[in-house]
Amino acid sequence: MNRAIATAVSTHSPSRSVDDRSTLRASIGFTAVVLVGFGFLYSLAGAGLGRVLFPHQATGSLVEIDGTPRGSALVAQPFAAARYFQPRPSAGNYDPMAAAGSNMARSNPDLRTRMGELREAVARRDGIAPDQVPAELVTQSGSGMDPHLSPLAARVQIARVARARGVSEADVAALVAAHTQPATFGVLGQPHVNVLELNVALDQGRRASSP
């Protein structure tokens, strides 16, 4: 009996209450440090450092004409007119909020049908044989927002773009070559062309040559 009373007294002793309060204060302090330090200050410092070191990328890699944003170099967008190079198809209709692939397996008959129809459409659009249509012009990327084309996929569109703009194919081909970027670090990926940047360069070249 006396042992039980002694145990109860020790369990509710003032020293234990002090320990509990100390633990609570430490927990609150740690939580505040994590939320403020890592949740706010660290993010703020990272964003600020990014703006200083990579100002173009930190603001969305925007492509501008006369100070007006026309899009992001990181996100594909559609071009309806024949005078523009066309990007890869998009399963999300080029909507950044719905970026996704079609998720169709290669064995899916609907995928084969869609690719066949699109191959015929691209061949008619660019005046080439269906078997000359690059695969990327009839397939959607995993994100549905791939802003790049291979040099081959850009070259098959040169004749159409030049004809629609009333310029020589050699001039358009030179612009494609100038905007062909090598593989990242020389080994990652393949050479590629940013469609938006190429189309903007075409427009700027047209205006620069106009009287």
N, C-alpha and C. Protein backbone atom coordinates (compact mmCIF):
# COMPACT_ATOMS: atom_id res chain seq x y z
N MET A 1 0.84 -1.20 0.00
CA MET A 1 0.00 0.00 0.00
C MET A 1 0.87 1.25 0.00
N ASN A 2 1.82 1.31 0.89
CA ASN A 2 2.72 2.46 0.95
C ASN A 2 3.52 2.62 -0.34
N ARG A 3 3.90 1.47 -0.93
CA ARG A 3 4.65 1.52 -2.18
C ARG A 3 3.80 2.11 -3.30
N ALA A 4 2.50 1.76 -3.36
CA ALA A 4 1.60 2.28 -4.38
C ALA A 4 1.43 3.78 -4.24
N ILE A 5 1.28 4.25 -2.97
CA ILE A 5 1.13 5.69 -2.73
C ILE A 5 2.39 6.43 -3.16
N ALA A 6 3.54 5.86 -2.86
CA ALA A 6 4.80 6.49 -3.23
C ALA A 6 4.94 6.60 -4.75
N THR A 7 4.48 5.54 -5.45
CA THR A 7 4.54 5.55 -6.91
C THR A 7 3.64 6.63 -7.48
N ALA A 8 2.42 6.76 -6.92
CA ALA A 8 1.49 7.77 -7.38
C ALA A 8 2.03 9.17 -7.14
N VAL A 9 2.64 9.38 -6.02
CA VAL A 9 3.20 10.70 -5.70
C VAL A 9 4.33 11.05 -6.66
N SER A 10 5.18 10.07 -6.95
CA SER A 10 6.31 10.33 -7.84
C SER A 10 5.85 10.58 -9.27
N THR A 11 4.73 9.92 -9.67
CA THR A 11 4.21 10.10 -11.02
C THR A 11 3.72 11.52 -11.24
N HIS A 12 3.14 12.14 -10.21
CA HIS A 12 2.58 13.49 -10.34
C HIS A 12 3.44 14.51 -9.62
N SER A 13 4.70 14.24 -9.55
CA SER A 13 5.60 15.15 -8.85
C SER A 13 5.82 16.41 -9.67
N PRO A 14 6.18 17.54 -9.02
CA PRO A 14 6.43 18.79 -9.73
C PRO A 14 7.53 18.67 -10.77
N SER A 15 8.54 17.85 -10.49
CA SER A 15 9.64 17.72 -11.44
C SER A 15 9.18 17.13 -12.76
N ARG A 16 8.22 16.21 -12.72
CA ARG A 16 7.69 15.63 -13.96
C ARG A 16 6.90 16.65 -14.75
N SER A 17 6.15 17.51 -14.08
CA SER A 17 5.39 18.56 -14.77
C SER A 17 6.33 19.52 -15.47
N VAL A 18 7.46 19.82 -14.78
CA VAL A 18 8.46 20.70 -15.40
C VAL A 18 9.02 20.06 -16.66
N ASP A 19 9.30 18.74 -16.58
CA ASP A 19 9.81 18.04 -17.75
C ASP A 19 8.82 18.07 -18.90
N ASP A 20 7.52 17.91 -18.58
CA ASP A 20 6.50 17.94 -19.62
C ASP A 20 6.45 19.30 -20.30
N ARG A 21 6.54 20.37 -19.52
CA ARG A 21 6.50 21.71 -20.09
C ARG A 21 7.74 21.96 -20.96
N SER A 22 8.87 21.46 -20.50
CA SER A 22 10.09 21.62 -21.29
C SER A 22 9.99 20.90 -22.64
N THR A 23 9.42 19.70 -22.60
CA THR A 23 9.25 18.94 -23.83
C THR A 23 8.30 19.66 -24.78
N LEU A 24 7.22 20.23 -24.22
CA LEU A 24 6.25 20.95 -25.04
C LEU A 24 6.88 22.17 -25.68
N ARG A 25 7.67 22.92 -24.89
CA ARG A 25 8.33 24.10 -25.44
C ARG A 25 9.31 23.72 -26.55
N ALA A 26 10.04 22.63 -26.32
CA ALA A 26 11.00 22.18 -27.34
C ALA A 26 10.29 21.78 -28.62
N SER A 27 9.14 21.12 -28.47
CA SER A 27 8.38 20.69 -29.65
C SER A 27 7.86 21.89 -30.42
N ILE A 28 7.32 22.87 -29.70
CA ILE A 28 6.81 24.08 -30.36
C ILE A 28 7.95 24.84 -31.04
N GLY A 29 9.09 24.94 -30.36
CA GLY A 29 10.23 25.63 -30.95
C GLY A 29 10.74 24.95 -32.20
N PHE A 30 10.82 23.62 -32.14
CA PHE A 30 11.28 22.86 -33.31
C PHE A 30 10.32 23.03 -34.48
N THR A 31 9.02 22.98 -34.17
CA THR A 31 8.01 23.16 -35.23
C THR A 31 8.13 24.53 -35.86
N ALA A 32 8.32 25.56 -35.03
CA ALA A 32 8.45 26.92 -35.56
C ALA A 32 9.69 27.05 -36.45
N VAL A 33 10.79 26.45 -36.02
CA VAL A 33 12.02 26.52 -36.82
C VAL A 33 11.83 25.83 -38.16
N VAL A 34 11.18 24.67 -38.15
CA VAL A 34 10.97 23.93 -39.40
C VAL A 34 10.05 24.70 -40.34
N LEU A 35 8.91 25.21 -39.80
CA LEU A 35 7.95 25.90 -40.65
C LEU A 35 8.50 27.22 -41.18
N VAL A 36 9.08 28.00 -40.30
CA VAL A 36 9.57 29.31 -40.71
C VAL A 36 10.90 29.19 -41.46
N GLY A 37 11.81 28.39 -40.90
CA GLY A 37 13.13 28.28 -41.50
C GLY A 37 13.12 27.56 -42.83
N PHE A 38 12.57 26.33 -42.83
CA PHE A 38 12.60 25.53 -44.04
C PHE A 38 11.38 25.75 -44.93
N GLY A 39 10.24 26.04 -44.32
CA GLY A 39 9.04 26.24 -45.12
C GLY A 39 8.94 27.60 -45.76
N PHE A 40 9.55 28.63 -45.16
CA PHE A 40 9.43 29.99 -45.68
C PHE A 40 10.79 30.58 -46.08
N LEU A 41 11.71 30.69 -45.12
CA LEU A 41 12.98 31.35 -45.40
C LEU A 41 13.80 30.60 -46.44
N TYR A 42 13.86 29.26 -46.33
CA TYR A 42 14.62 28.48 -47.30
C TYR A 42 14.04 28.64 -48.70
N SER A 43 12.71 28.55 -48.80
CA SER A 43 12.05 28.71 -50.11
C SER A 43 12.27 30.11 -50.66
N LEU A 44 12.18 31.12 -49.77
CA LEU A 44 12.39 32.50 -50.20
C LEU A 44 13.82 32.71 -50.69
N ALA A 45 14.78 32.14 -49.97
CA ALA A 45 16.17 32.27 -50.38
C ALA A 45 16.43 31.56 -51.71
N GLY A 46 15.84 30.37 -51.87
CA GLY A 46 16.01 29.63 -53.11
C GLY A 46 15.42 30.37 -54.30
N ALA A 47 14.22 30.94 -54.10
CA ALA A 47 13.58 31.69 -55.18
C ALA A 47 14.38 32.94 -55.52
N GLY A 48 14.86 33.63 -54.48
CA GLY A 48 15.65 34.84 -54.71
C GLY A 48 16.96 34.54 -55.41
N LEU A 49 17.63 33.47 -55.00
CA LEU A 49 18.89 33.09 -55.63
C LEU A 49 18.67 32.69 -57.09
N GLY A 50 17.55 32.00 -57.34
CA GLY A 50 17.23 31.62 -58.71
C GLY A 50 17.00 32.83 -59.60
N ARG A 51 16.32 33.86 -59.06
CA ARG A 51 16.08 35.08 -59.83
C ARG A 51 17.38 35.79 -60.16
N VAL A 52 18.36 35.69 -59.26
CA VAL A 52 19.65 36.36 -59.49
C VAL A 52 20.51 35.58 -60.48
N LEU A 53 20.62 34.27 -60.29
CA LEU A 53 21.51 33.46 -61.11
C LEU A 53 20.89 33.08 -62.46
N PHE A 54 19.59 32.81 -62.46
CA PHE A 54 18.89 32.36 -63.69
C PHE A 54 17.62 33.18 -63.88
N PRO A 55 17.73 34.47 -64.16
CA PRO A 55 16.54 35.32 -64.23
C PRO A 55 15.55 34.90 -65.32
N HIS A 56 16.07 34.44 -66.46
CA HIS A 56 15.17 34.05 -67.56
C HIS A 56 14.38 32.81 -67.21
N GLN A 57 15.07 31.79 -66.69
CA GLN A 57 14.39 30.54 -66.34
C GLN A 57 13.46 30.73 -65.14
N ALA A 58 13.87 31.56 -64.18
CA ALA A 58 13.07 31.74 -62.97
C ALA A 58 11.74 32.42 -63.24
N THR A 59 11.65 33.15 -64.33
CA THR A 59 10.40 33.85 -64.66
C THR A 59 9.60 33.10 -65.72
N GLY A 60 9.92 31.82 -65.93
CA GLY A 60 9.12 30.99 -66.84
C GLY A 60 9.69 30.84 -68.23
N SER A 61 10.93 31.29 -68.48
CA SER A 61 11.55 31.20 -69.81
C SER A 61 10.63 31.79 -70.88
N LEU A 62 10.10 32.98 -70.59
CA LEU A 62 9.16 33.62 -71.51
C LEU A 62 9.86 34.12 -72.77
N VAL A 63 9.18 33.94 -73.89
CA VAL A 63 9.66 34.45 -75.17
C VAL A 63 8.83 35.68 -75.51
N GLU A 64 9.50 36.81 -75.74
CA GLU A 64 8.80 38.07 -75.95
C GLU A 64 9.06 38.63 -77.33
N ILE A 65 8.06 39.37 -77.83
CA ILE A 65 8.20 40.15 -79.06
C ILE A 65 7.82 41.58 -78.72
N ASP A 66 8.75 42.49 -78.89
CA ASP A 66 8.52 43.90 -78.58
C ASP A 66 8.04 44.08 -77.14
N GLY A 67 8.60 43.28 -76.23
CA GLY A 67 8.26 43.41 -74.82
C GLY A 67 6.97 42.71 -74.41
N THR A 68 6.29 42.05 -75.36
CA THR A 68 5.04 41.36 -75.06
C THR A 68 5.27 39.85 -75.03
N PRO A 69 4.98 39.17 -73.93
CA PRO A 69 5.18 37.71 -73.88
C PRO A 69 4.31 36.99 -74.90
N ARG A 70 4.92 36.06 -75.63
CA ARG A 70 4.20 35.26 -76.61
C ARG A 70 4.07 33.81 -76.20
N GLY A 71 4.71 33.43 -75.11
CA GLY A 71 4.65 32.05 -74.65
C GLY A 71 5.91 31.71 -73.88
N SER A 72 5.99 30.47 -73.46
CA SER A 72 7.16 29.99 -72.74
C SER A 72 7.93 29.01 -73.62
N ALA A 73 9.24 29.13 -73.57
CA ALA A 73 10.09 28.22 -74.33
C ALA A 73 10.03 26.80 -73.77
N LEU A 74 9.42 26.63 -72.60
CA LEU A 74 9.35 25.32 -71.96
C LEU A 74 8.04 24.59 -72.24
N VAL A 75 7.07 25.29 -72.84
CA VAL A 75 5.73 24.73 -73.01
C VAL A 75 5.32 24.85 -74.48
N ALA A 76 4.90 23.75 -75.08
CA ALA A 76 4.45 23.77 -76.47
C ALA A 76 3.12 24.51 -76.59
N GLN A 77 2.90 25.11 -77.74
CA GLN A 77 1.62 25.74 -78.02
C GLN A 77 1.29 25.54 -79.49
N PRO A 78 0.01 25.51 -79.84
CA PRO A 78 -0.35 25.23 -81.23
C PRO A 78 -0.17 26.46 -82.12
N PHE A 79 0.07 26.22 -83.40
CA PHE A 79 0.14 27.26 -84.41
C PHE A 79 -0.76 26.83 -85.56
N ALA A 80 -1.76 27.63 -85.87
CA ALA A 80 -2.76 27.23 -86.85
C ALA A 80 -2.34 27.54 -88.29
N ALA A 81 -1.65 28.66 -88.50
CA ALA A 81 -1.34 29.10 -89.86
C ALA A 81 -0.24 28.26 -90.50
N ALA A 82 -0.32 28.13 -91.81
CA ALA A 82 0.66 27.34 -92.56
C ALA A 82 2.04 27.98 -92.53
N ARG A 83 2.12 29.24 -92.21
CA ARG A 83 3.40 29.95 -92.22
C ARG A 83 4.24 29.68 -90.98
N TYR A 84 3.72 28.84 -90.09
CA TYR A 84 4.45 28.52 -88.86
C TYR A 84 4.81 27.04 -88.82
N PHE A 85 5.94 26.74 -88.16
CA PHE A 85 6.29 25.36 -87.87
C PHE A 85 5.33 24.83 -86.81
N GLN A 86 4.93 23.58 -86.98
CA GLN A 86 3.98 22.96 -86.07
C GLN A 86 4.71 22.07 -85.06
N PRO A 87 4.27 22.08 -83.79
CA PRO A 87 4.91 21.22 -82.78
C PRO A 87 4.35 19.80 -82.82
N ARG A 88 4.77 19.00 -81.88
CA ARG A 88 4.23 17.65 -81.74
C ARG A 88 2.77 17.70 -81.32
N PRO A 89 1.99 16.67 -81.62
CA PRO A 89 0.61 16.62 -81.14
C PRO A 89 0.57 16.59 -79.61
N SER A 90 -0.55 17.03 -79.07
CA SER A 90 -0.71 17.08 -77.61
C SER A 90 -1.98 16.34 -77.20
N ALA A 91 -1.85 15.41 -76.26
CA ALA A 91 -3.02 14.70 -75.75
C ALA A 91 -3.89 15.60 -74.89
N GLY A 92 -3.30 16.65 -74.33
CA GLY A 92 -4.04 17.58 -73.48
C GLY A 92 -4.44 18.86 -74.17
N ASN A 93 -4.38 18.86 -75.52
CA ASN A 93 -4.76 20.04 -76.32
C ASN A 93 -3.92 21.25 -75.92
N TYR A 94 -2.65 21.02 -75.60
CA TYR A 94 -1.70 22.08 -75.25
C TYR A 94 -2.13 22.89 -74.03
N ASP A 95 -2.91 22.29 -73.17
CA ASP A 95 -3.35 22.95 -71.94
C ASP A 95 -2.39 22.56 -70.81
N PRO A 96 -1.62 23.52 -70.26
CA PRO A 96 -0.67 23.17 -69.19
C PRO A 96 -1.33 22.56 -67.97
N MET A 97 -2.62 22.86 -67.75
CA MET A 97 -3.33 22.31 -66.60
C MET A 97 -3.79 20.88 -66.84
N ALA A 98 -3.65 20.41 -68.08
CA ALA A 98 -4.07 19.04 -68.40
C ALA A 98 -2.95 18.29 -69.08
N ALA A 99 -1.71 18.64 -68.75
CA ALA A 99 -0.55 18.02 -69.39
C ALA A 99 -0.51 16.53 -69.10
N ALA A 100 -0.49 15.73 -70.14
CA ALA A 100 -0.45 14.27 -69.99
C ALA A 100 -0.28 13.64 -71.35
N GLY A 101 0.14 12.40 -71.35
CA GLY A 101 0.19 11.63 -72.58
C GLY A 101 -1.13 10.94 -72.82
N SER A 102 -1.23 10.24 -73.94
CA SER A 102 -2.48 9.56 -74.25
C SER A 102 -2.66 8.28 -73.45
N ASN A 103 -1.54 7.72 -72.92
CA ASN A 103 -1.57 6.48 -72.14
C ASN A 103 -2.10 5.29 -72.93
N MET A 104 -2.01 5.36 -74.25
CA MET A 104 -2.43 4.23 -75.09
C MET A 104 -1.23 3.33 -75.33
N ALA A 105 -1.45 2.02 -75.19
CA ALA A 105 -0.38 1.06 -75.47
C ALA A 105 -0.14 0.98 -76.97
N ARG A 106 1.05 0.55 -77.35
CA ARG A 106 1.37 0.44 -78.78
C ARG A 106 0.49 -0.57 -79.48
N SER A 107 -0.06 -1.52 -78.72
CA SER A 107 -0.93 -2.53 -79.31
C SER A 107 -2.38 -2.06 -79.44
N ASN A 108 -2.68 -0.85 -78.95
CA ASN A 108 -4.05 -0.34 -78.99
C ASN A 108 -4.43 0.00 -80.43
N PRO A 109 -5.51 -0.61 -80.95
CA PRO A 109 -5.90 -0.33 -82.35
C PRO A 109 -6.30 1.13 -82.57
N ASP A 110 -6.86 1.77 -81.54
CA ASP A 110 -7.23 3.18 -81.68
C ASP A 110 -6.00 4.05 -81.89
N LEU A 111 -4.90 3.69 -81.21
CA LEU A 111 -3.66 4.44 -81.38
C LEU A 111 -3.13 4.30 -82.79
N ARG A 112 -3.15 3.08 -83.32
CA ARG A 112 -2.67 2.86 -84.68
C ARG A 112 -3.53 3.61 -85.69
N THR A 113 -4.83 3.60 -85.46
CA THR A 113 -5.73 4.33 -86.37
C THR A 113 -5.46 5.82 -86.33
N ARG A 114 -5.32 6.37 -85.12
CA ARG A 114 -5.08 7.80 -84.98
C ARG A 114 -3.76 8.20 -85.62
N MET A 115 -2.72 7.39 -85.40
CA MET A 115 -1.41 7.70 -85.98
C MET A 115 -1.46 7.63 -87.51
N GLY A 116 -2.20 6.67 -88.04
CA GLY A 116 -2.32 6.56 -89.49
C GLY A 116 -3.02 7.77 -90.09
N GLU A 117 -4.11 8.20 -89.44
CA GLU A 117 -4.84 9.37 -89.94
C GLU A 117 -3.99 10.63 -89.84
N LEU A 118 -3.27 10.76 -88.73
CA LEU A 118 -2.43 11.94 -88.54
C LEU A 118 -1.25 11.93 -89.51
N ARG A 119 -0.71 10.76 -89.80
CA ARG A 119 0.40 10.66 -90.76
C ARG A 119 -0.05 11.13 -92.15
N GLU A 120 -1.24 10.72 -92.54
CA GLU A 120 -1.78 11.16 -93.83
C GLU A 120 -1.99 12.67 -93.84
N ALA A 121 -2.50 13.21 -92.73
CA ALA A 121 -2.76 14.66 -92.65
C ALA A 121 -1.45 15.44 -92.72
N VAL A 122 -0.42 15.00 -92.00
CA VAL A 122 0.87 15.69 -92.03
C VAL A 122 1.49 15.59 -93.41
N ALA A 123 1.37 14.45 -94.06
CA ALA A 123 1.92 14.28 -95.40
C ALA A 123 1.27 15.25 -96.38
N ARG A 124 -0.06 15.40 -96.30
CA ARG A 124 -0.76 16.35 -97.17
C ARG A 124 -0.35 17.78 -96.84
N ARG A 125 -0.25 18.09 -95.56
CA ARG A 125 0.08 19.45 -95.14
C ARG A 125 1.45 19.89 -95.62
N ASP A 126 2.44 18.99 -95.53
CA ASP A 126 3.80 19.36 -95.86
C ASP A 126 4.25 18.86 -97.23
N GLY A 127 3.35 18.23 -97.97
CA GLY A 127 3.68 17.81 -99.33
C GLY A 127 4.77 16.75 -99.41
N ILE A 128 4.72 15.80 -98.49
CA ILE A 128 5.71 14.72 -98.49
C ILE A 128 4.98 13.38 -98.50
N ALA A 129 5.72 12.32 -98.75
CA ALA A 129 5.12 10.99 -98.72
C ALA A 129 4.86 10.58 -97.28
N PRO A 130 3.80 9.79 -97.05
CA PRO A 130 3.49 9.36 -95.68
C PRO A 130 4.65 8.67 -94.98
N ASP A 131 5.45 7.90 -95.73
CA ASP A 131 6.56 7.20 -95.08
C ASP A 131 7.73 8.13 -94.75
N GLN A 132 7.64 9.40 -95.16
CA GLN A 132 8.67 10.37 -94.84
C GLN A 132 8.31 11.22 -93.61
N VAL A 133 7.13 10.99 -93.05
CA VAL A 133 6.69 11.75 -91.88
C VAL A 133 7.41 11.23 -90.64
N PRO A 134 8.18 12.06 -89.94
CA PRO A 134 8.86 11.61 -88.71
C PRO A 134 7.84 11.15 -87.67
N ALA A 135 8.21 10.14 -86.91
CA ALA A 135 7.30 9.56 -85.93
C ALA A 135 6.84 10.58 -84.90
N GLU A 136 7.70 11.53 -84.54
CA GLU A 136 7.33 12.48 -83.48
C GLU A 136 6.20 13.42 -83.90
N LEU A 137 5.98 13.58 -85.21
CA LEU A 137 4.89 14.44 -85.66
C LEU A 137 3.54 13.76 -85.60
N VAL A 138 3.53 12.47 -85.29
CA VAL A 138 2.26 11.74 -85.17
C VAL A 138 2.12 11.08 -83.81
N THR A 139 3.08 11.31 -82.92
CA THR A 139 3.00 10.74 -81.57
C THR A 139 3.05 11.87 -80.55
N GLN A 140 2.42 11.64 -79.41
CA GLN A 140 2.38 12.64 -78.35
C GLN A 140 3.45 12.33 -77.32
N SER A 141 4.06 13.37 -76.79
CA SER A 141 5.08 13.17 -75.77
C SER A 141 4.43 12.77 -74.45
N GLY A 142 5.22 12.31 -73.50
CA GLY A 142 4.68 11.90 -72.21
C GLY A 142 3.98 13.02 -71.49
N SER A 143 4.48 14.24 -71.61
CA SER A 143 3.84 15.38 -70.95
C SER A 143 2.75 16.00 -71.80
N GLY A 144 2.80 15.77 -73.12
CA GLY A 144 1.86 16.43 -74.01
C GLY A 144 2.22 17.87 -74.28
N MET A 145 3.34 18.34 -73.73
CA MET A 145 3.73 19.75 -73.84
C MET A 145 5.17 19.91 -74.32
N ASP A 146 5.70 18.94 -75.03
CA ASP A 146 7.09 19.00 -75.48
C ASP A 146 7.26 20.17 -76.45
N PRO A 147 8.11 21.15 -76.11
CA PRO A 147 8.26 22.32 -76.98
C PRO A 147 9.26 22.14 -78.12
N HIS A 148 9.88 20.96 -78.21
CA HIS A 148 10.96 20.77 -79.17
C HIS A 148 10.58 19.78 -80.27
N LEU A 149 11.28 19.93 -81.39
CA LEU A 149 11.24 18.98 -82.48
C LEU A 149 12.67 18.56 -82.82
N SER A 150 12.80 17.42 -83.44
CA SER A 150 14.11 17.05 -83.97
C SER A 150 14.38 17.89 -85.21
N PRO A 151 15.64 18.06 -85.59
CA PRO A 151 15.94 18.78 -86.83
C PRO A 151 15.22 18.20 -88.04
N LEU A 152 15.07 16.87 -88.09
CA LEU A 152 14.39 16.24 -89.21
C LEU A 152 12.92 16.67 -89.26
N ALA A 153 12.25 16.66 -88.10
CA ALA A 153 10.84 17.04 -88.06
C ALA A 153 10.65 18.50 -88.42
N ALA A 154 11.66 19.33 -88.18
CA ALA A 154 11.58 20.73 -88.61
C ALA A 154 11.86 20.85 -90.10
N ARG A 155 12.81 20.08 -90.61
CA ARG A 155 13.19 20.22 -92.02
C ARG A 155 12.06 19.83 -92.96
N VAL A 156 11.25 18.82 -92.60
CA VAL A 156 10.17 18.42 -93.50
C VAL A 156 9.10 19.50 -93.62
N GLN A 157 9.13 20.51 -92.75
CA GLN A 157 8.15 21.60 -92.79
C GLN A 157 8.67 22.85 -93.49
N ILE A 158 9.95 22.84 -93.87
CA ILE A 158 10.57 24.04 -94.43
C ILE A 158 9.87 24.50 -95.71
N ALA A 159 9.59 23.57 -96.62
CA ALA A 159 9.00 23.96 -97.90
C ALA A 159 7.65 24.64 -97.70
N ARG A 160 6.82 24.10 -96.83
CA ARG A 160 5.50 24.71 -96.59
C ARG A 160 5.64 26.10 -95.99
N VAL A 161 6.49 26.23 -94.97
CA VAL A 161 6.66 27.52 -94.31
C VAL A 161 7.21 28.56 -95.29
N ALA A 162 8.20 28.18 -96.08
CA ALA A 162 8.79 29.12 -97.05
C ALA A 162 7.75 29.54 -98.09
N ARG A 163 6.96 28.60 -98.57
CA ARG A 163 5.94 28.91 -99.56
C ARG A 163 4.88 29.85 -98.98
N ALA A 164 4.46 29.59 -97.77
CA ALA A 164 3.43 30.43 -97.15
C ALA A 164 3.94 31.83 -96.85
N ARG A 165 5.23 31.98 -96.59
CA ARG A 165 5.80 33.29 -96.27
C ARG A 165 6.37 34.00 -97.49
N GLY A 166 6.43 33.31 -98.61
CA GLY A 166 6.97 33.93 -99.80
C GLY A 166 8.45 34.20 -99.72
N VAL A 167 9.18 33.33 -99.04
CA VAL A 167 10.64 33.47 -98.93
C VAL A 167 11.28 32.20 -99.47
N SER A 168 12.59 32.22 -99.61
CA SER A 168 13.29 31.06 -100.15
C SER A 168 13.43 29.96 -99.10
N GLU A 169 13.42 28.73 -99.58
CA GLU A 169 13.61 27.60 -98.67
C GLU A 169 14.99 27.65 -98.03
N ALA A 170 15.97 28.18 -98.76
CA ALA A 170 17.33 28.27 -98.22
C ALA A 170 17.37 29.18 -97.00
N ASP A 171 16.62 30.28 -97.04
CA ASP A 171 16.61 31.21 -95.90
C ASP A 171 15.97 30.55 -94.68
N VAL A 172 14.87 29.84 -94.91
CA VAL A 172 14.19 29.17 -93.79
C VAL A 172 15.07 28.04 -93.25
N ALA A 173 15.71 27.31 -94.15
CA ALA A 173 16.59 26.22 -93.71
C ALA A 173 17.75 26.76 -92.88
N ALA A 174 18.27 27.93 -93.27
CA ALA A 174 19.37 28.53 -92.50
C ALA A 174 18.90 28.92 -91.11
N LEU A 175 17.65 29.39 -91.01
CA LEU A 175 17.12 29.76 -89.70
C LEU A 175 16.91 28.52 -88.83
N VAL A 176 16.46 27.43 -89.44
CA VAL A 176 16.31 26.18 -88.70
C VAL A 176 17.67 25.71 -88.18
N ALA A 177 18.67 25.78 -89.03
CA ALA A 177 20.01 25.36 -88.62
C ALA A 177 20.54 26.23 -87.49
N ALA A 178 20.25 27.54 -87.55
CA ALA A 178 20.72 28.46 -86.52
C ALA A 178 20.05 28.19 -85.18
N HIS A 179 18.83 27.64 -85.20
CA HIS A 179 18.09 27.38 -83.97
C HIS A 179 18.13 25.91 -83.55
N THR A 180 18.99 25.14 -84.19
CA THR A 180 19.16 23.74 -83.79
C THR A 180 20.16 23.69 -82.63
N GLN A 181 19.69 23.20 -81.51
CA GLN A 181 20.52 23.13 -80.31
C GLN A 181 21.12 21.73 -80.18
N PRO A 182 22.37 21.62 -79.79
CA PRO A 182 22.99 20.28 -79.66
C PRO A 182 22.45 19.54 -78.44
N ALA A 183 22.81 18.30 -78.32
CA ALA A 183 22.45 17.52 -77.13
C ALA A 183 23.00 18.21 -75.88
N THR A 184 22.25 18.14 -74.80
CA THR A 184 22.66 18.78 -73.55
C THR A 184 24.01 18.21 -73.09
N PHE A 185 24.95 19.11 -72.83
CA PHE A 185 26.31 18.72 -72.44
C PHE A 185 26.97 17.82 -73.49
N GLY A 186 26.40 17.80 -74.67
CA GLY A 186 26.98 17.01 -75.76
C GLY A 186 26.66 15.53 -75.73
N VAL A 187 26.01 15.05 -74.66
CA VAL A 187 25.76 13.61 -74.54
C VAL A 187 24.32 13.28 -74.13
N LEU A 188 23.60 14.22 -73.56
CA LEU A 188 22.25 13.94 -73.06
C LEU A 188 21.20 14.33 -74.10
N GLY A 189 20.42 13.34 -74.53
CA GLY A 189 19.39 13.61 -75.50
C GLY A 189 19.92 13.73 -76.90
N GLN A 190 19.13 14.38 -77.77
CA GLN A 190 19.46 14.54 -79.17
C GLN A 190 19.41 16.02 -79.55
N PRO A 191 19.99 16.40 -80.69
CA PRO A 191 19.82 17.78 -81.16
C PRO A 191 18.33 18.11 -81.31
N HIS A 192 17.95 19.34 -81.03
CA HIS A 192 16.54 19.70 -81.01
C HIS A 192 16.35 21.15 -81.40
N VAL A 193 15.12 21.46 -81.81
CA VAL A 193 14.75 22.80 -82.22
C VAL A 193 13.54 23.24 -81.39
N ASN A 194 13.63 24.42 -80.78
CA ASN A 194 12.50 24.95 -80.03
C ASN A 194 11.53 25.60 -81.01
N VAL A 195 10.31 25.09 -81.08
CA VAL A 195 9.35 25.53 -82.10
C VAL A 195 8.95 26.99 -81.90
N LEU A 196 8.66 27.38 -80.67
CA LEU A 196 8.23 28.75 -80.42
C LEU A 196 9.34 29.74 -80.77
N GLU A 197 10.55 29.47 -80.33
CA GLU A 197 11.66 30.38 -80.61
C GLU A 197 11.91 30.47 -82.12
N LEU A 198 11.76 29.37 -82.83
CA LEU A 198 11.95 29.38 -84.28
C LEU A 198 10.88 30.22 -84.96
N ASN A 199 9.64 30.06 -84.56
CA ASN A 199 8.55 30.83 -85.16
C ASN A 199 8.68 32.32 -84.85
N VAL A 200 9.10 32.64 -83.65
CA VAL A 200 9.32 34.05 -83.30
C VAL A 200 10.43 34.64 -84.16
N ALA A 201 11.49 33.88 -84.37
CA ALA A 201 12.58 34.35 -85.21
C ALA A 201 12.12 34.57 -86.65
N LEU A 202 11.23 33.71 -87.12
CA LEU A 202 10.68 33.89 -88.46
C LEU A 202 9.90 35.21 -88.56
N ASP A 203 9.06 35.47 -87.58
CA ASP A 203 8.29 36.72 -87.58
C ASP A 203 9.20 37.94 -87.48
N GLN A 204 10.18 37.88 -86.65
CA GLN A 204 11.08 39.01 -86.50
C GLN A 204 11.90 39.23 -87.75
N GLY A 205 12.29 38.17 -88.42
CA GLY A 205 13.02 38.30 -89.67
C GLY A 205 12.16 38.90 -90.76
N ARG A 206 10.88 38.52 -90.79
CA ARG A 206 9.98 39.09 -91.79
C ARG A 206 9.80 40.57 -91.59
N ARG A 207 9.62 41.00 -90.32
CA ARG A 207 9.42 42.41 -90.05
C ARG A 207 10.69 43.20 -90.32
N ALA A 208 11.85 42.57 -90.01
CA ALA A 208 13.10 43.28 -90.22
C ALA A 208 13.36 43.52 -91.70
N SER A 209 12.86 42.61 -92.58
CA SER A 209 13.10 42.75 -94.02
C SER A 209 12.03 43.58 -94.71
N SER A 210 10.96 43.95 -93.97
CA SER A 210 9.88 44.71 -94.56
C SER A 210 10.28 46.18 -94.68
N PRO A 211 9.82 46.90 -95.72
CA PRO A 211 10.17 48.31 -95.85
C PRO A 211 9.49 49.15 -94.80
